[in-house]
Amino acid sequence: MGVLFALFVMASVLFVLGGFVSMSQATIGVGSVAIACYLAIVARILQASAHADRLAAKVDALKPPAPPDAP
């Protein structure tokens, strides 16, 4: 995963925490469901990213080595 993605995740977590702190008592239930959805979405993105990285590594392992350059 890239540095930009990690920065995005950290920033979004800070925004979620800020939103949770600013919720009123009347919206705490809806906010909790929204945070749960957010966490599920981030977890799925991380899972898909890890899967894509593993798949790319397997595909690269299947490629034949490059032929040596002729003099």
PDB file of N, CA and C in Angstrom:
ATOM      1  N   MET A   1       0.828  -1.180   0.000  1.00  0.00           N
ATOM      2  CA  MET A   1       0.000   0.000   0.000  1.00  0.00           C
ATOM      3  C   MET A   1       0.869   1.238   0.000  1.00  0.00           C
ATOM      4  N   GLY A   2       0.373   2.239  -0.625  1.00  0.00           N
ATOM      5  CA  GLY A   2       1.148   3.452  -0.758  1.00  0.00           C
ATOM      6  C   GLY A   2       1.032   4.368   0.442  1.00  0.00           C
ATOM      7  N   VAL A   3       1.954   5.288   0.475  1.00  0.00           N
ATOM      8  CA  VAL A   3       1.981   6.268   1.554  1.00  0.00           C
ATOM      9  C   VAL A   3       0.745   7.159   1.480  1.00  0.00           C
ATOM     10  N   LEU A   4       0.340   7.498   0.272  1.00  0.00           N
ATOM     11  CA  LEU A   4      -0.831   8.353   0.094  1.00  0.00           C
ATOM     12  C   LEU A   4      -2.087   7.683   0.650  1.00  0.00           C
ATOM     13  N   PHE A   5      -2.226   6.385   0.423  1.00  0.00           N
ATOM     14  CA  PHE A   5      -3.375   5.657   0.948  1.00  0.00           C
ATOM     15  C   PHE A   5      -3.360   5.645   2.470  1.00  0.00           C
ATOM     16  N   ALA A   6      -2.177   5.437   3.058  1.00  0.00           N
ATOM     17  CA  ALA A   6      -2.066   5.436   4.521  1.00  0.00           C
ATOM     18  C   ALA A   6      -2.425   6.808   5.094  1.00  0.00           C
ATOM     19  N   LEU A   7      -1.985   7.864   4.442  1.00  0.00           N
ATOM     20  CA  LEU A   7      -2.333   9.209   4.896  1.00  0.00           C
ATOM     21  C   LEU A   7      -3.836   9.450   4.793  1.00  0.00           C
ATOM     22  N   PHE A   8      -4.440   8.962   3.723  1.00  0.00           N
ATOM     23  CA  PHE A   8      -5.887   9.094   3.547  1.00  0.00           C
ATOM     24  C   PHE A   8      -6.640   8.376   4.662  1.00  0.00           C
ATOM     25  N   VAL A   9      -6.213   7.182   4.990  1.00  0.00           N
ATOM     26  CA  VAL A   9      -6.889   6.419   6.041  1.00  0.00           C
ATOM     27  C   VAL A   9      -6.736   7.121   7.388  1.00  0.00           C
ATOM     28  N   MET A  10      -5.542   7.603   7.696  1.00  0.00           N
ATOM     29  CA  MET A  10      -5.333   8.306   8.963  1.00  0.00           C
ATOM     30  C   MET A  10      -6.177   9.571   9.043  1.00  0.00           C
ATOM     31  N   ALA A  11      -6.238  10.331   7.960  1.00  0.00           N
ATOM     32  CA  ALA A  11      -7.044  11.550   7.948  1.00  0.00           C
ATOM     33  C   ALA A  11      -8.524  11.226   8.097  1.00  0.00           C
ATOM     34  N   SER A  12      -8.987  10.189   7.423  1.00  0.00           N
ATOM     35  CA  SER A  12     -10.401   9.846   7.516  1.00  0.00           C
ATOM     36  C   SER A  12     -10.762   9.350   8.914  1.00  0.00           C
ATOM     37  N   VAL A  13      -9.848   8.646   9.574  1.00  0.00           N
ATOM     38  CA  VAL A  13     -10.100   8.207  10.947  1.00  0.00           C
ATOM     39  C   VAL A  13     -10.210   9.422  11.870  1.00  0.00           C
ATOM     40  N   LEU A  14      -9.358  10.411  11.671  1.00  0.00           N
ATOM     41  CA  LEU A  14      -9.445  11.625  12.481  1.00  0.00           C
ATOM     42  C   LEU A  14     -10.780  12.337  12.268  1.00  0.00           C
ATOM     43  N   PHE A  15     -11.245  12.397  11.018  1.00  0.00           N
ATOM     44  CA  PHE A  15     -12.535  13.021  10.733  1.00  0.00           C
ATOM     45  C   PHE A  15     -13.683  12.242  11.365  1.00  0.00           C
ATOM     46  N   VAL A  16     -13.599  10.926  11.348  1.00  0.00           N
ATOM     47  CA  VAL A  16     -14.643  10.103  11.964  1.00  0.00           C
ATOM     48  C   VAL A  16     -14.666  10.332  13.472  1.00  0.00           C
ATOM     49  N   LEU A  17     -13.492  10.365  14.086  1.00  0.00           N
ATOM     50  CA  LEU A  17     -13.442  10.625  15.522  1.00  0.00           C
ATOM     51  C   LEU A  17     -13.987  12.010  15.853  1.00  0.00           C
ATOM     52  N   GLY A  18     -13.651  12.985  15.050  1.00  0.00           N
ATOM     53  CA  GLY A  18     -14.190  14.327  15.246  1.00  0.00           C
ATOM     54  C   GLY A  18     -15.696  14.360  15.101  1.00  0.00           C
ATOM     55  N   GLY A  19     -16.209  13.648  14.140  1.00  0.00           N
ATOM     56  CA  GLY A  19     -17.655  13.572  13.964  1.00  0.00           C
ATOM     57  C   GLY A  19     -18.338  12.863  15.113  1.00  0.00           C
ATOM     58  N   PHE A  20     -17.701  11.829  15.634  1.00  0.00           N
ATOM     59  CA  PHE A  20     -18.274  11.096  16.764  1.00  0.00           C
ATOM     60  C   PHE A  20     -18.341  11.981  18.002  1.00  0.00           C
ATOM     61  N   VAL A  21     -17.311  12.754  18.230  1.00  0.00           N
ATOM     62  CA  VAL A  21     -17.276  13.641  19.392  1.00  0.00           C
ATOM     63  C   VAL A  21     -18.344  14.730  19.276  1.00  0.00           C
ATOM     64  N   SER A  22     -18.613  15.193  18.073  1.00  0.00           N
ATOM     65  CA  SER A  22     -19.555  16.301  17.890  1.00  0.00           C
ATOM     66  C   SER A  22     -21.008  15.850  17.751  1.00  0.00           C
ATOM     67  N   MET A  23     -21.295  14.545  17.833  1.00  0.00           N
ATOM     68  CA  MET A  23     -22.670  14.067  17.711  1.00  0.00           C
ATOM     69  C   MET A  23     -23.470  14.411  18.964  1.00  0.00           C
ATOM     70  N   SER A  24     -24.732  14.725  18.756  1.00  0.00           N
ATOM     71  CA  SER A  24     -25.613  14.954  19.898  1.00  0.00           C
ATOM     72  C   SER A  24     -26.126  13.612  20.410  1.00  0.00           C
ATOM     73  N   GLN A  25     -26.748  13.653  21.563  1.00  0.00           N
ATOM     74  CA  GLN A  25     -27.264  12.420  22.147  1.00  0.00           C
ATOM     75  C   GLN A  25     -28.373  11.823  21.277  1.00  0.00           C
ATOM     76  N   ALA A  26     -29.079  12.654  20.551  1.00  0.00           N
ATOM     77  CA  ALA A  26     -30.170  12.177  19.702  1.00  0.00           C
ATOM     78  C   ALA A  26     -29.662  11.420  18.476  1.00  0.00           C
ATOM     79  N   THR A  27     -28.443  11.707  18.037  1.00  0.00           N
ATOM     80  CA  THR A  27     -27.931  11.077  16.812  1.00  0.00           C
ATOM     81  C   THR A  27     -26.842  10.046  17.085  1.00  0.00           C
ATOM     82  N   ILE A  28     -26.625   9.685  18.336  1.00  0.00           N
ATOM     83  CA  ILE A  28     -25.540   8.754  18.661  1.00  0.00           C
ATOM     84  C   ILE A  28     -25.789   7.362  18.055  1.00  0.00           C
ATOM     85  N   GLY A  29     -27.047   6.927  17.973  1.00  0.00           N
ATOM     86  CA  GLY A  29     -27.354   5.610  17.395  1.00  0.00           C
ATOM     87  C   GLY A  29     -27.060   5.564  15.906  1.00  0.00           C
ATOM     88  N   VAL A  30     -27.528   6.558  15.199  1.00  0.00           N
ATOM     89  CA  VAL A  30     -27.280   6.630  13.758  1.00  0.00           C
ATOM     90  C   VAL A  30     -25.792   6.807  13.493  1.00  0.00           C
ATOM     91  N   GLY A  31     -25.141   7.611  14.316  1.00  0.00           N
ATOM     92  CA  GLY A  31     -23.698   7.818  14.165  1.00  0.00           C
ATOM     93  C   GLY A  31     -22.916   6.540  14.390  1.00  0.00           C
ATOM     94  N   SER A  32     -23.343   5.733  15.349  1.00  0.00           N
ATOM     95  CA  SER A  32     -22.668   4.459  15.612  1.00  0.00           C
ATOM     96  C   SER A  32     -22.801   3.510  14.423  1.00  0.00           C
ATOM     97  N   VAL A  33     -23.976   3.487  13.814  1.00  0.00           N
ATOM     98  CA  VAL A  33     -24.176   2.654  12.621  1.00  0.00           C
ATOM     99  C   VAL A  33     -23.313   3.169  11.472  1.00  0.00           C
ATOM    100  N   ALA A  34     -23.234   4.488  11.325  1.00  0.00           N
ATOM    101  CA  ALA A  34     -22.414   5.066  10.259  1.00  0.00           C
ATOM    102  C   ALA A  34     -20.940   4.735  10.464  1.00  0.00           C
ATOM    103  N   ILE A  35     -20.478   4.786  11.699  1.00  0.00           N
ATOM    104  CA  ILE A  35     -19.073   4.455  11.986  1.00  0.00           C
ATOM    105  C   ILE A  35     -18.808   2.978  11.718  1.00  0.00           C
ATOM    106  N   ALA A  36     -19.765   2.121  12.063  1.00  0.00           N
ATOM    107  CA  ALA A  36     -19.613   0.694  11.774  1.00  0.00           C
ATOM    108  C   ALA A  36     -19.526   0.453  10.268  1.00  0.00           C
ATOM    109  N   CYS A  37     -20.357   1.150   9.498  1.00  0.00           N
ATOM    110  CA  CYS A  37     -20.294   1.032   8.032  1.00  0.00           C
ATOM    111  C   CYS A  37     -18.945   1.518   7.513  1.00  0.00           C
ATOM    112  N   TYR A  38     -18.475   2.631   8.053  1.00  0.00           N
ATOM    113  CA  TYR A  38     -17.175   3.175   7.651  1.00  0.00           C
ATOM    114  C   TYR A  38     -16.061   2.154   7.910  1.00  0.00           C
ATOM    115  N   LEU A  39     -16.053   1.572   9.098  1.00  0.00           N
ATOM    116  CA  LEU A  39     -15.017   0.590   9.435  1.00  0.00           C
ATOM    117  C   LEU A  39     -15.087  -0.638   8.533  1.00  0.00           C
ATOM    118  N   ALA A  40     -16.303  -1.077   8.199  1.00  0.00           N
ATOM    119  CA  ALA A  40     -16.456  -2.224   7.295  1.00  0.00           C
ATOM    120  C   ALA A  40     -15.938  -1.895   5.902  1.00  0.00           C
ATOM    121  N   ILE A  41     -16.198  -0.694   5.432  1.00  0.00           N
ATOM    122  CA  ILE A  41     -15.734  -0.287   4.102  1.00  0.00           C
ATOM    123  C   ILE A  41     -14.213  -0.203   4.066  1.00  0.00           C
ATOM    124  N   VAL A  42     -13.612   0.400   5.093  1.00  0.00           N
ATOM    125  CA  VAL A  42     -12.150   0.503   5.134  1.00  0.00           C
ATOM    126  C   VAL A  42     -11.517  -0.884   5.226  1.00  0.00           C
ATOM    127  N   ALA A  43     -12.111  -1.764   6.033  1.00  0.00           N
ATOM    128  CA  ALA A  43     -11.579  -3.126   6.141  1.00  0.00           C
ATOM    129  C   ALA A  43     -11.652  -3.848   4.797  1.00  0.00           C
ATOM    130  N   ARG A  44     -12.731  -3.662   4.062  1.00  0.00           N
ATOM    131  CA  ARG A  44     -12.877  -4.316   2.750  1.00  0.00           C
ATOM    132  C   ARG A  44     -11.874  -3.769   1.747  1.00  0.00           C
ATOM    133  N   ILE A  45     -11.624  -2.466   1.789  1.00  0.00           N
ATOM    134  CA  ILE A  45     -10.626  -1.875   0.895  1.00  0.00           C
ATOM    135  C   ILE A  45      -9.247  -2.427   1.197  1.00  0.00           C
ATOM    136  N   LEU A  46      -8.912  -2.526   2.478  1.00  0.00           N
ATOM    137  CA  LEU A  46      -7.602  -3.078   2.853  1.00  0.00           C
ATOM    138  C   LEU A  46      -7.491  -4.549   2.450  1.00  0.00           C
ATOM    139  N   GLN A  47      -8.562  -5.310   2.612  1.00  0.00           N
ATOM    140  CA  GLN A  47      -8.557  -6.716   2.215  1.00  0.00           C
ATOM    141  C   GLN A  47      -8.361  -6.857   0.701  1.00  0.00           C
ATOM    142  N   ALA A  48      -9.067  -6.054  -0.059  1.00  0.00           N
ATOM    143  CA  ALA A  48      -8.939  -6.120  -1.517  1.00  0.00           C
ATOM    144  C   ALA A  48      -7.550  -5.687  -1.968  1.00  0.00           C
ATOM    145  N   SER A  49      -6.979  -4.701  -1.308  1.00  0.00           N
ATOM    146  CA  SER A  49      -5.639  -4.243  -1.657  1.00  0.00           C
ATOM    147  C   SER A  49      -4.606  -5.338  -1.395  1.00  0.00           C
ATOM    148  N   ALA A  50      -4.725  -5.991  -0.242  1.00  0.00           N
ATOM    149  CA  ALA A  50      -3.792  -7.075   0.073  1.00  0.00           C
ATOM    150  C   ALA A  50      -3.947  -8.226  -0.918  1.00  0.00           C
ATOM    151  N   HIS A  51      -5.180  -8.540  -1.288  1.00  0.00           N
ATOM    152  CA  HIS A  51      -5.420  -9.607  -2.261  1.00  0.00           C
ATOM    153  C   HIS A  51      -4.819  -9.251  -3.620  1.00  0.00           C
ATOM    154  N   ALA A  52      -4.992  -8.010  -4.045  1.00  0.00           N
ATOM    155  CA  ALA A  52      -4.447  -7.581  -5.337  1.00  0.00           C
ATOM    156  C   ALA A  52      -2.921  -7.635  -5.321  1.00  0.00           C
ATOM    157  N   ASP A  53      -2.309  -7.260  -4.213  1.00  0.00           N
ATOM    158  CA  ASP A  53      -0.851  -7.327  -4.107  1.00  0.00           C
ATOM    159  C   ASP A  53      -0.355  -8.772  -4.195  1.00  0.00           C
ATOM    160  N   ARG A  54      -1.039  -9.683  -3.498  1.00  0.00           N
ATOM    161  CA  ARG A  54      -0.640 -11.097  -3.557  1.00  0.00           C
ATOM    162  C   ARG A  54      -0.816 -11.659  -4.964  1.00  0.00           C
ATOM    163  N   LEU A  55      -1.914 -11.301  -5.606  1.00  0.00           N
ATOM    164  CA  LEU A  55      -2.178 -11.779  -6.964  1.00  0.00           C
ATOM    165  C   LEU A  55      -1.137 -11.241  -7.942  1.00  0.00           C
ATOM    166  N   ALA A  56      -0.775  -9.976  -7.807  1.00  0.00           N
ATOM    167  CA  ALA A  56       0.240  -9.395  -8.687  1.00  0.00           C
ATOM    168  C   ALA A  56       1.591 -10.073  -8.488  1.00  0.00           C
ATOM    169  N   ALA A  57       1.911 -10.420  -7.247  1.00  0.00           N
ATOM    170  CA  ALA A  57       3.173 -11.114  -6.987  1.00  0.00           C
ATOM    171  C   ALA A  57       3.178 -12.504  -7.630  1.00  0.00           C
ATOM    172  N   LYS A  58       2.036 -13.194  -7.585  1.00  0.00           N
ATOM    173  CA  LYS A  58       1.950 -14.513  -8.221  1.00  0.00           C
ATOM    174  C   LYS A  58       2.068 -14.412  -9.730  1.00  0.00           C
ATOM    175  N   VAL A  59       1.441 -13.403 -10.326  1.00  0.00           N
ATOM    176  CA  VAL A  59       1.528 -13.207 -11.776  1.00  0.00           C
ATOM    177  C   VAL A  59       2.965 -12.889 -12.172  1.00  0.00           C
ATOM    178  N   ASP A  60       3.635 -12.038 -11.400  1.00  0.00           N
ATOM    179  CA  ASP A  60       5.032 -11.715 -11.705  1.00  0.00           C
ATOM    180  C   ASP A  60       5.932 -12.935 -11.598  1.00  0.00           C
ATOM    181  N   ALA A  61       5.609 -13.844 -10.679  1.00  0.00           N
ATOM    182  CA  ALA A  61       6.409 -15.057 -10.525  1.00  0.00           C
ATOM    183  C   ALA A  61       6.239 -15.989 -11.719  1.00  0.00           C
ATOM    184  N   LEU A  62       5.121 -15.905 -12.423  1.00  0.00           N
ATOM    185  CA  LEU A  62       4.872 -16.772 -13.575  1.00  0.00           C
ATOM    186  C   LEU A  62       5.540 -16.281 -14.853  1.00  0.00           C
ATOM    187  N   LYS A  63       5.931 -15.018 -14.887  1.00  0.00           N
ATOM    188  CA  LYS A  63       6.551 -14.473 -16.097  1.00  0.00           C
ATOM    189  C   LYS A  63       7.930 -15.087 -16.303  1.00  0.00           C
ATOM    190  N   PRO A  64       8.259 -15.414 -17.547  1.00  0.00           N
ATOM    191  CA  PRO A  64       9.596 -15.964 -17.799  1.00  0.00           C
ATOM    192  C   PRO A  64      10.649 -14.863 -17.624  1.00  0.00           C
ATOM    193  N   PRO A  65      11.867 -15.250 -17.281  1.00  0.00           N
ATOM    194  CA  PRO A  65      12.910 -14.229 -17.134  1.00  0.00           C
ATOM    195  C   PRO A  65      13.225 -13.578 -18.480  1.00  0.00           C
ATOM    196  N   ALA A  66      13.665 -12.370 -18.415  1.00  0.00           N
ATOM    197  CA  ALA A  66      14.004 -11.646 -19.631  1.00  0.00           C
ATOM    198  C   ALA A  66      15.264 -12.267 -20.258  1.00  0.00           C
ATOM    199  N   PRO A  67      15.298 -12.358 -21.597  1.00  0.00           N
ATOM    200  CA  PRO A  67      16.486 -12.924 -22.255  1.00  0.00           C
ATOM    201  C   PRO A  67      17.681 -11.975 -22.097  1.00  0.00           C
ATOM    202  N   PRO A  68      18.862 -12.530 -22.008  1.00  0.00           N
ATOM    203  CA  PRO A  68      20.034 -11.651 -21.896  1.00  0.00           C
ATOM    204  C   PRO A  68      20.243 -10.900 -23.216  1.00  0.00           C
ATOM    205  N   ASP A  69      20.807  -9.720 -23.110  1.00  0.00           N
ATOM    206  CA  ASP A  69      21.075  -8.913 -24.295  1.00  0.00           C
ATOM    207  C   ASP A  69      22.241  -9.531 -25.084  1.00  0.00           C
ATOM    208  N   ALA A  70      22.073  -9.583 -26.408  1.00  0.00           N
ATOM    209  CA  ALA A  70      23.138 -10.130 -27.270  1.00  0.00           C
ATOM    210  C   ALA A  70      24.180  -9.047 -27.506  1.00  0.00           C
ATOM    211  N   PRO A  71      25.460  -9.444 -27.500  1.00  0.00           N
ATOM    212  CA  PRO A  71      26.519  -8.437 -27.743  1.00  0.00           C
ATOM    213  C   PRO A  71      26.567  -7.973 -29.166  1.00  0.00           C
TER     214      PRO A  71
END
